[in-house]
Amino acid sequence: MLKRGALRFTPAGIPILDFVIAHSSVQSEAGSRRKVQCDVDAVAVGELAVRIEATKINQPLQVAGFLARNSVGNRKLMLRAVRVEPVGGAD
């Protein structure tokens, strides 16, 4: 995780946290290997948001989720995190 916003709450009291992750991988494209690096805006909701808020900045994480619009009026894509695990047994 590169950075994170402040933990906030919906009117119903559900925690939400915006954060940014750095992605790095090697992918196959047209028969060649290609190194891919990018920063990805992400959001976590509920108990997961609270757990991520307690995570150290720059701690390696494996994040799983799905892509969706940021909001109804904003077409920007965000990763909606549904699972976050430390990489390499880190806490």
PDB file of N, CA and C in Angstrom:
ATOM      1  N   MET A   1       0.847  -1.168   0.000  1.00  0.00           N
ATOM      2  CA  MET A   1       0.000   0.000   0.000  1.00  0.00           C
ATOM      3  C   MET A   1       0.896   1.235   0.000  1.00  0.00           C
ATOM      4  N   LEU A   2       0.643   2.105  -0.969  1.00  0.00           N
ATOM      5  CA  LEU A   2       1.437   3.329  -1.080  1.00  0.00           C
ATOM      6  C   LEU A   2       0.933   4.438  -0.168  1.00  0.00           C
ATOM      7  N   LYS A   3      -0.374   4.595  -0.114  1.00  0.00           N
ATOM      8  CA  LYS A   3      -0.956   5.625   0.756  1.00  0.00           C
ATOM      9  C   LYS A   3      -2.400   5.274   1.039  1.00  0.00           C
ATOM     10  N   ARG A   4      -2.954   5.939   2.026  1.00  0.00           N
ATOM     11  CA  ARG A   4      -4.360   5.711   2.383  1.00  0.00           C
ATOM     12  C   ARG A   4      -4.954   7.010   2.900  1.00  0.00           C
ATOM     13  N   GLY A   5      -6.253   7.137   2.709  1.00  0.00           N
ATOM     14  CA  GLY A   5      -6.980   8.282   3.231  1.00  0.00           C
ATOM     15  C   GLY A   5      -7.387   8.028   4.672  1.00  0.00           C
ATOM     16  N   ALA A   6      -8.163   8.947   5.197  1.00  0.00           N
ATOM     17  CA  ALA A   6      -8.680   8.800   6.556  1.00  0.00           C
ATOM     18  C   ALA A   6      -9.889   7.864   6.543  1.00  0.00           C
ATOM     19  N   LEU A   7     -10.008   7.065   7.569  1.00  0.00           N
ATOM     20  CA  LEU A   7     -11.180   6.202   7.722  1.00  0.00           C
ATOM     21  C   LEU A   7     -12.407   7.093   7.897  1.00  0.00           C
ATOM     22  N   ARG A   8     -13.434   6.842   7.102  1.00  0.00           N
ATOM     23  CA  ARG A   8     -14.663   7.617   7.211  1.00  0.00           C
ATOM     24  C   ARG A   8     -15.830   6.653   7.341  1.00  0.00           C
ATOM     25  N   PHE A   9     -17.015   7.186   7.596  1.00  0.00           N
ATOM     26  CA  PHE A   9     -18.174   6.340   7.846  1.00  0.00           C
ATOM     27  C   PHE A   9     -19.374   6.812   7.030  1.00  0.00           C
ATOM     28  N   THR A  10     -20.160   5.852   6.547  1.00  0.00           N
ATOM     29  CA  THR A  10     -21.401   6.177   5.848  1.00  0.00           C
ATOM     30  C   THR A  10     -22.405   6.679   6.879  1.00  0.00           C
ATOM     31  N   PRO A  11     -23.513   7.270   6.436  1.00  0.00           N
ATOM     32  CA  PRO A  11     -24.548   7.675   7.390  1.00  0.00           C
ATOM     33  C   PRO A  11     -25.064   6.503   8.240  1.00  0.00           C
ATOM     34  N   ALA A  12     -24.946   5.285   7.713  1.00  0.00           N
ATOM     35  CA  ALA A  12     -25.369   4.093   8.465  1.00  0.00           C
ATOM     36  C   ALA A  12     -24.274   3.585   9.406  1.00  0.00           C
ATOM     37  N   GLY A  13     -23.110   4.265   9.424  1.00  0.00           N
ATOM     38  CA  GLY A  13     -22.030   3.890  10.339  1.00  0.00           C
ATOM     39  C   GLY A  13     -21.068   2.844   9.792  1.00  0.00           C
ATOM     40  N   ILE A  14     -21.122   2.569   8.502  1.00  0.00           N
ATOM     41  CA  ILE A  14     -20.233   1.572   7.897  1.00  0.00           C
ATOM     42  C   ILE A  14     -18.908   2.238   7.541  1.00  0.00           C
ATOM     43  N   PRO A  15     -17.774   1.663   7.999  1.00  0.00           N
ATOM     44  CA  PRO A  15     -16.476   2.264   7.694  1.00  0.00           C
ATOM     45  C   PRO A  15     -16.086   2.095   6.227  1.00  0.00           C
ATOM     46  N   ILE A  16     -15.433   3.130   5.682  1.00  0.00           N
ATOM     47  CA  ILE A  16     -14.939   3.124   4.300  1.00  0.00           C
ATOM     48  C   ILE A  16     -13.540   3.722   4.304  1.00  0.00           C
ATOM     49  N   LEU A  17     -12.649   3.118   3.516  1.00  0.00           N
ATOM     50  CA  LEU A  17     -11.275   3.613   3.438  1.00  0.00           C
ATOM     51  C   LEU A  17     -10.800   3.589   1.991  1.00  0.00           C
ATOM     52  N   ASP A  18     -10.341   4.750   1.496  1.00  0.00           N
ATOM     53  CA  ASP A  18      -9.703   4.831   0.184  1.00  0.00           C
ATOM     54  C   ASP A  18      -8.211   4.627   0.387  1.00  0.00           C
ATOM     55  N   PHE A  19      -7.582   3.874  -0.527  1.00  0.00           N
ATOM     56  CA  PHE A  19      -6.144   3.661  -0.451  1.00  0.00           C
ATOM     57  C   PHE A  19      -5.594   3.447  -1.853  1.00  0.00           C
ATOM     58  N   VAL A  20      -4.269   3.479  -1.979  1.00  0.00           N
ATOM     59  CA  VAL A  20      -3.611   3.305  -3.268  1.00  0.00           C
ATOM     60  C   VAL A  20      -2.599   2.178  -3.133  1.00  0.00           C
ATOM     61  N   ILE A  21      -2.637   1.248  -4.091  1.00  0.00           N
ATOM     62  CA  ILE A  21      -1.665   0.164  -4.106  1.00  0.00           C
ATOM     63  C   ILE A  21      -0.792   0.284  -5.349  1.00  0.00           C
ATOM     64  N   ALA A  22       0.423  -0.241  -5.264  1.00  0.00           N
ATOM     65  CA  ALA A  22       1.319  -0.323  -6.416  1.00  0.00           C
ATOM     66  C   ALA A  22       1.257  -1.754  -6.924  1.00  0.00           C
ATOM     67  N   HIS A  23       0.952  -1.902  -8.208  1.00  0.00           N
ATOM     68  CA  HIS A  23       0.899  -3.226  -8.826  1.00  0.00           C
ATOM     69  C   HIS A  23       2.152  -3.431  -9.661  1.00  0.00           C
ATOM     70  N   SER A  24       2.728  -4.645  -9.582  1.00  0.00           N
ATOM     71  CA  SER A  24       3.878  -4.997 -10.393  1.00  0.00           C
ATOM     72  C   SER A  24       3.757  -6.464 -10.764  1.00  0.00           C
ATOM     73  N   SER A  25       3.854  -6.773 -12.066  1.00  0.00           N
ATOM     74  CA  SER A  25       3.777  -8.160 -12.519  1.00  0.00           C
ATOM     75  C   SER A  25       4.409  -8.286 -13.896  1.00  0.00           C
ATOM     76  N   VAL A  26       4.538  -9.515 -14.343  1.00  0.00           N
ATOM     77  CA  VAL A  26       4.983  -9.796 -15.698  1.00  0.00           C
ATOM     78  C   VAL A  26       3.841 -10.520 -16.386  1.00  0.00           C
ATOM     79  N   GLN A  27       3.410  -9.994 -17.535  1.00  0.00           N
ATOM     80  CA  GLN A  27       2.275 -10.540 -18.277  1.00  0.00           C
ATOM     81  C   GLN A  27       2.728 -10.948 -19.678  1.00  0.00           C
ATOM     82  N   SER A  28       1.956 -11.831 -20.267  1.00  0.00           N
ATOM     83  CA  SER A  28       2.214 -12.257 -21.641  1.00  0.00           C
ATOM     84  C   SER A  28       1.325 -11.449 -22.578  1.00  0.00           C
ATOM     85  N   GLU A  29       1.956 -10.896 -23.628  1.00  0.00           N
ATOM     86  CA  GLU A  29       1.204 -10.111 -24.606  1.00  0.00           C
ATOM     87  C   GLU A  29       1.794 -10.393 -25.988  1.00  0.00           C
ATOM     88  N   ALA A  30       0.974 -10.920 -26.886  1.00  0.00           N
ATOM     89  CA  ALA A  30       1.389 -11.220 -28.265  1.00  0.00           C
ATOM     90  C   ALA A  30       2.655 -12.070 -28.297  1.00  0.00           C
ATOM     91  N   GLY A  31       2.739 -13.045 -27.396  1.00  0.00           N
ATOM     92  CA  GLY A  31       3.873 -13.952 -27.369  1.00  0.00           C
ATOM     93  C   GLY A  31       5.114 -13.418 -26.681  1.00  0.00           C
ATOM     94  N   SER A  32       5.055 -12.224 -26.142  1.00  0.00           N
ATOM     95  CA  SER A  32       6.201 -11.631 -25.444  1.00  0.00           C
ATOM     96  C   SER A  32       5.845 -11.390 -23.982  1.00  0.00           C
ATOM     97  N   ARG A  33       6.889 -11.350 -23.171  1.00  0.00           N
ATOM     98  CA  ARG A  33       6.682 -11.024 -21.761  1.00  0.00           C
ATOM     99  C   ARG A  33       6.792  -9.514 -21.587  1.00  0.00           C
ATOM    100  N   ARG A  34       5.891  -8.981 -20.798  1.00  0.00           N
ATOM    101  CA  ARG A  34       5.851  -7.537 -20.594  1.00  0.00           C
ATOM    102  C   ARG A  34       5.757  -7.252 -19.098  1.00  0.00           C
ATOM    103  N   LYS A  35       6.638  -6.391 -18.608  1.00  0.00           N
ATOM    104  CA  LYS A  35       6.588  -5.979 -17.208  1.00  0.00           C
ATOM    105  C   LYS A  35       5.531  -4.893 -17.063  1.00  0.00           C
ATOM    106  N   VAL A  36       4.645  -5.068 -16.102  1.00  0.00           N
ATOM    107  CA  VAL A  36       3.549  -4.128 -15.881  1.00  0.00           C
ATOM    108  C   VAL A  36       3.703  -3.521 -14.489  1.00  0.00           C
ATOM    109  N   GLN A  37       3.665  -2.205 -14.425  1.00  0.00           N
ATOM    110  CA  GLN A  37       3.701  -1.497 -13.150  1.00  0.00           C
ATOM    111  C   GLN A  37       2.702  -0.357 -13.210  1.00  0.00           C
ATOM    112  N   CYS A  38       1.912  -0.221 -12.156  1.00  0.00           N
ATOM    113  CA  CYS A  38       0.965   0.891 -12.095  1.00  0.00           C
ATOM    114  C   CYS A  38       0.498   1.083 -10.656  1.00  0.00           C
ATOM    115  N   ASP A  39      -0.010   2.265 -10.392  1.00  0.00           N
ATOM    116  CA  ASP A  39      -0.657   2.554  -9.113  1.00  0.00           C
ATOM    117  C   ASP A  39      -2.150   2.409  -9.331  1.00  0.00           C
ATOM    118  N   VAL A  40      -2.832   1.821  -8.354  1.00  0.00           N
ATOM    119  CA  VAL A  40      -4.260   1.536  -8.481  1.00  0.00           C
ATOM    120  C   VAL A  40      -5.002   2.141  -7.293  1.00  0.00           C
ATOM    121  N   ASP A  41      -6.003   2.974  -7.583  1.00  0.00           N
ATOM    122  CA  ASP A  41      -6.872   3.497  -6.531  1.00  0.00           C
ATOM    123  C   ASP A  41      -7.809   2.379  -6.088  1.00  0.00           C
ATOM    124  N   ALA A  42      -7.979   2.246  -4.779  1.00  0.00           N
ATOM    125  CA  ALA A  42      -8.814   1.178  -4.243  1.00  0.00           C
ATOM    126  C   ALA A  42      -9.664   1.699  -3.095  1.00  0.00           C
ATOM    127  N   VAL A  43     -10.704   0.945  -2.766  1.00  0.00           N
ATOM    128  CA  VAL A  43     -11.562   1.279  -1.640  1.00  0.00           C
ATOM    129  C   VAL A  43     -11.947  -0.011  -0.929  1.00  0.00           C
ATOM    130  N   ALA A  44     -12.031   0.055   0.386  1.00  0.00           N
ATOM    131  CA  ALA A  44     -12.473  -1.075   1.198  1.00  0.00           C
ATOM    132  C   ALA A  44     -13.627  -0.609   2.071  1.00  0.00           C
ATOM    133  N   VAL A  45     -14.546  -1.518   2.333  1.00  0.00           N
ATOM    134  CA  VAL A  45     -15.749  -1.206   3.104  1.00  0.00           C
ATOM    135  C   VAL A  45     -15.881  -2.194   4.256  1.00  0.00           C
ATOM    136  N   GLY A  46     -16.396  -1.721   5.372  1.00  0.00           N
ATOM    137  CA  GLY A  46     -16.684  -2.582   6.510  1.00  0.00           C
ATOM    138  C   GLY A  46     -15.443  -2.945   7.302  1.00  0.00           C
ATOM    139  N   GLU A  47     -15.434  -4.152   7.845  1.00  0.00           N
ATOM    140  CA  GLU A  47     -14.339  -4.618   8.693  1.00  0.00           C
ATOM    141  C   GLU A  47     -13.014  -4.581   7.948  1.00  0.00           C
ATOM    142  N   LEU A  48     -13.043  -4.845   6.643  1.00  0.00           N
ATOM    143  CA  LEU A  48     -11.821  -4.807   5.839  1.00  0.00           C
ATOM    144  C   LEU A  48     -11.209  -3.410   5.855  1.00  0.00           C
ATOM    145  N   ALA A  49     -12.016  -2.375   5.807  1.00  0.00           N
ATOM    146  CA  ALA A  49     -11.520  -0.995   5.865  1.00  0.00           C
ATOM    147  C   ALA A  49     -10.783  -0.738   7.180  1.00  0.00           C
ATOM    148  N   VAL A  50     -11.326  -1.236   8.266  1.00  0.00           N
ATOM    149  CA  VAL A  50     -10.698  -1.055   9.584  1.00  0.00           C
ATOM    150  C   VAL A  50      -9.362  -1.790   9.634  1.00  0.00           C
ATOM    151  N   ARG A  51      -9.317  -3.018   9.081  1.00  0.00           N
ATOM    152  CA  ARG A  51      -8.061  -3.783   9.048  1.00  0.00           C
ATOM    153  C   ARG A  51      -6.996  -3.082   8.211  1.00  0.00           C
ATOM    154  N   ILE A  52      -7.377  -2.558   7.058  1.00  0.00           N
ATOM    155  CA  ILE A  52      -6.404  -1.885   6.196  1.00  0.00           C
ATOM    156  C   ILE A  52      -5.908  -0.602   6.841  1.00  0.00           C
ATOM    157  N   GLU A  53      -6.777   0.089   7.551  1.00  0.00           N
ATOM    158  CA  GLU A  53      -6.382   1.330   8.213  1.00  0.00           C
ATOM    159  C   GLU A  53      -5.280   1.073   9.237  1.00  0.00           C
ATOM    160  N   ALA A  54      -5.248  -0.118   9.812  1.00  0.00           N
ATOM    161  CA  ALA A  54      -4.226  -0.476  10.795  1.00  0.00           C
ATOM    162  C   ALA A  54      -2.944  -1.005  10.150  1.00  0.00           C
ATOM    163  N   THR A  55      -2.924  -1.138   8.826  1.00  0.00           N
ATOM    164  CA  THR A  55      -1.770  -1.671   8.100  1.00  0.00           C
ATOM    165  C   THR A  55      -0.751  -0.563   7.850  1.00  0.00           C
ATOM    166  N   LYS A  56       0.517  -0.909   7.943  1.00  0.00           N
ATOM    167  CA  LYS A  56       1.589   0.065   7.717  1.00  0.00           C
ATOM    168  C   LYS A  56       1.672   0.440   6.235  1.00  0.00           C
ATOM    169  N   ILE A  57       1.986   1.698   5.985  1.00  0.00           N
ATOM    170  CA  ILE A  57       2.242   2.158   4.618  1.00  0.00           C
ATOM    171  C   ILE A  57       3.464   1.408   4.093  1.00  0.00           C
ATOM    172  N   ASN A  58       3.469   1.068   2.820  1.00  0.00           N
ATOM    173  CA  ASN A  58       4.526   0.332   2.122  1.00  0.00           C
ATOM    174  C   ASN A  58       4.616  -1.135   2.516  1.00  0.00           C
ATOM    175  N   GLN A  59       3.682  -1.635   3.317  1.00  0.00           N
ATOM    176  CA  GLN A  59       3.659  -3.067   3.602  1.00  0.00           C
ATOM    177  C   GLN A  59       3.136  -3.795   2.367  1.00  0.00           C
ATOM    178  N   PRO A  60       3.852  -4.831   1.907  1.00  0.00           N
ATOM    179  CA  PRO A  60       3.368  -5.583   0.744  1.00  0.00           C
ATOM    180  C   PRO A  60       2.061  -6.307   1.056  1.00  0.00           C
ATOM    181  N   LEU A  61       1.088  -6.151   0.175  1.00  0.00           N
ATOM    182  CA  LEU A  61      -0.219  -6.770   0.352  1.00  0.00           C
ATOM    183  C   LEU A  61      -0.643  -7.460  -0.936  1.00  0.00           C
ATOM    184  N   GLN A  62      -1.419  -8.504  -0.791  1.00  0.00           N
ATOM    185  CA  GLN A  62      -2.092  -9.103  -1.938  1.00  0.00           C
ATOM    186  C   GLN A  62      -3.560  -8.715  -1.807  1.00  0.00           C
ATOM    187  N   VAL A  63      -4.062  -8.011  -2.808  1.00  0.00           N
ATOM    188  CA  VAL A  63      -5.415  -7.472  -2.756  1.00  0.00           C
ATOM    189  C   VAL A  63      -6.252  -8.136  -3.850  1.00  0.00           C
ATOM    190  N   ALA A  64      -7.413  -8.636  -3.482  1.00  0.00           N
ATOM    191  CA  ALA A  64      -8.354  -9.205  -4.455  1.00  0.00           C
ATOM    192  C   ALA A  64      -9.640  -8.403  -4.388  1.00  0.00           C
ATOM    193  N   GLY A  65     -10.275  -8.246  -5.532  1.00  0.00           N
ATOM    194  CA  GLY A  65     -11.521  -7.504  -5.572  1.00  0.00           C
ATOM    195  C   GLY A  65     -12.031  -7.406  -6.993  1.00  0.00           C
ATOM    196  N   PHE A  66     -12.787  -6.370  -7.257  1.00  0.00           N
ATOM    197  CA  PHE A  66     -13.357  -6.170  -8.586  1.00  0.00           C
ATOM    198  C   PHE A  66     -13.289  -4.697  -8.951  1.00  0.00           C
ATOM    199  N   LEU A  67     -13.307  -4.430 -10.264  1.00  0.00           N
ATOM    200  CA  LEU A  67     -13.291  -3.054 -10.747  1.00  0.00           C
ATOM    201  C   LEU A  67     -14.711  -2.541 -10.911  1.00  0.00           C
ATOM    202  N   ALA A  68     -14.933  -1.311 -10.492  1.00  0.00           N
ATOM    203  CA  ALA A  68     -16.243  -0.672 -10.634  1.00  0.00           C
ATOM    204  C   ALA A  68     -16.027   0.833 -10.740  1.00  0.00           C
ATOM    205  N   ARG A  69     -17.043   1.523 -11.224  1.00  0.00           N
ATOM    206  CA  ARG A  69     -16.986   2.987 -11.247  1.00  0.00           C
ATOM    207  C   ARG A  69     -16.822   3.507  -9.833  1.00  0.00           C
ATOM    208  N   ASN A  70     -16.131   4.630  -9.746  1.00  0.00           N
ATOM    209  CA  ASN A  70     -15.932   5.267  -8.447  1.00  0.00           C
ATOM    210  C   ASN A  70     -17.275   5.645  -7.816  1.00  0.00           C
ATOM    211  N   SER A  71     -18.182   6.175  -8.620  1.00  0.00           N
ATOM    212  CA  SER A  71     -19.524   6.527  -8.162  1.00  0.00           C
ATOM    213  C   SER A  71     -20.418   6.629  -9.390  1.00  0.00           C
ATOM    214  N   VAL A  72     -21.689   6.818  -9.176  1.00  0.00           N
ATOM    215  CA  VAL A  72     -22.630   6.896 -10.300  1.00  0.00           C
ATOM    216  C   VAL A  72     -22.237   7.999 -11.275  1.00  0.00           C
ATOM    217  N   GLY A  73     -21.837   9.145 -10.770  1.00  0.00           N
ATOM    218  CA  GLY A  73     -21.501  10.272 -11.635  1.00  0.00           C
ATOM    219  C   GLY A  73     -20.037  10.345 -12.025  1.00  0.00           C
ATOM    220  N   ASN A  74     -19.224   9.405 -11.586  1.00  0.00           N
ATOM    221  CA  ASN A  74     -17.783   9.429 -11.850  1.00  0.00           C
ATOM    222  C   ASN A  74     -17.391   8.120 -12.523  1.00  0.00           C
ATOM    223  N   ARG A  75     -16.966   8.180 -13.776  1.00  0.00           N
ATOM    224  CA  ARG A  75     -16.665   6.980 -14.554  1.00  0.00           C
ATOM    225  C   ARG A  75     -15.285   6.388 -14.252  1.00  0.00           C
ATOM    226  N   LYS A  76     -14.487   7.042 -13.426  1.00  0.00           N
ATOM    227  CA  LYS A  76     -13.162   6.547 -13.079  1.00  0.00           C
ATOM    228  C   LYS A  76     -13.287   5.181 -12.399  1.00  0.00           C
ATOM    229  N   LEU A  77     -12.428   4.224 -12.787  1.00  0.00           N
ATOM    230  CA  LEU A  77     -12.459   2.895 -12.179  1.00  0.00           C
ATOM    231  C   LEU A  77     -11.698   2.873 -10.873  1.00  0.00           C
ATOM    232  N   MET A  78     -12.220   2.098  -9.932  1.00  0.00           N
ATOM    233  CA  MET A  78     -11.555   1.852  -8.654  1.00  0.00           C
ATOM    234  C   MET A  78     -11.593   0.359  -8.390  1.00  0.00           C
ATOM    235  N   LEU A  79     -10.567  -0.140  -7.722  1.00  0.00           N
ATOM    236  CA  LEU A  79     -10.574  -1.519  -7.262  1.00  0.00           C
ATOM    237  C   LEU A  79     -11.364  -1.580  -5.969  1.00  0.00           C
ATOM    238  N   ARG A  80     -12.438  -2.346  -5.957  1.00  0.00           N
ATOM    239  CA  ARG A  80     -13.245  -2.543  -4.748  1.00  0.00           C
ATOM    240  C   ARG A  80     -12.678  -3.773  -4.052  1.00  0.00           C
ATOM    241  N   ALA A  81     -11.905  -3.569  -3.002  1.00  0.00           N
ATOM    242  CA  ALA A  81     -11.225  -4.668  -2.319  1.00  0.00           C
ATOM    243  C   ALA A  81     -12.224  -5.532  -1.556  1.00  0.00           C
ATOM    244  N   VAL A  82     -12.073  -6.839  -1.705  1.00  0.00           N
ATOM    245  CA  VAL A  82     -12.899  -7.779  -0.949  1.00  0.00           C
ATOM    246  C   VAL A  82     -12.042  -8.694  -0.082  1.00  0.00           C
ATOM    247  N   ARG A  83     -10.739  -8.757  -0.409  1.00  0.00           N
ATOM    248  CA  ARG A  83      -9.824  -9.564   0.403  1.00  0.00           C
ATOM    249  C   ARG A  83      -8.443  -8.922   0.353  1.00  0.00           C
ATOM    250  N   VAL A  84      -7.813  -8.809   1.502  1.00  0.00           N
ATOM    251  CA  VAL A  84      -6.459  -8.252   1.590  1.00  0.00           C
ATOM    252  C   VAL A  84      -5.657  -9.137   2.532  1.00  0.00           C
ATOM    253  N   GLU A  85      -4.503  -9.588   2.050  1.00  0.00           N
ATOM    254  CA  GLU A  85      -3.626 -10.435   2.852  1.00  0.00           C
ATOM    255  C   GLU A  85      -2.207  -9.876   2.803  1.00  0.00           C
ATOM    256  N   PRO A  86      -1.483  -9.942   3.911  1.00  0.00           N
ATOM    257  CA  PRO A  86      -0.069  -9.551   3.877  1.00  0.00           C
ATOM    258  C   PRO A  86       0.708 -10.531   3.007  1.00  0.00           C
ATOM    259  N   VAL A  87       1.736 -10.048   2.329  1.00  0.00           N
ATOM    260  CA  VAL A  87       2.579 -10.903   1.490  1.00  0.00           C
ATOM    261  C   VAL A  87       3.788 -11.345   2.299  1.00  0.00           C
ATOM    262  N   GLY A  88       4.140 -12.606   2.176  1.00  0.00           N
ATOM    263  CA  GLY A  88       5.348 -13.113   2.831  1.00  0.00           C
ATOM    264  C   GLY A  88       5.221 -13.274   4.330  1.00  0.00           C
ATOM    265  N   GLY A  89       3.990 -13.476   4.812  1.00  0.00           N
ATOM    266  CA  GLY A  89       3.793 -13.701   6.239  1.00  0.00           C
ATOM    267  C   GLY A  89       3.927 -12.470   7.089  1.00  0.00           C
ATOM    268  N   ALA A  90       4.026 -11.283   6.462  1.00  0.00           N
ATOM    269  CA  ALA A  90       4.117 -10.033   7.233  1.00  0.00           C
ATOM    270  C   ALA A  90       2.766  -9.740   7.878  1.00  0.00           C
ATOM    271  N   ASP A  91       2.793  -8.974   8.951  1.00  0.00           N
ATOM    272  CA  ASP A  91       1.531  -8.611   9.633  1.00  0.00           C
ATOM    273  C   ASP A  91       1.080  -7.269   9.210  1.00  0.00           C
TER     274      ASP A  91
END
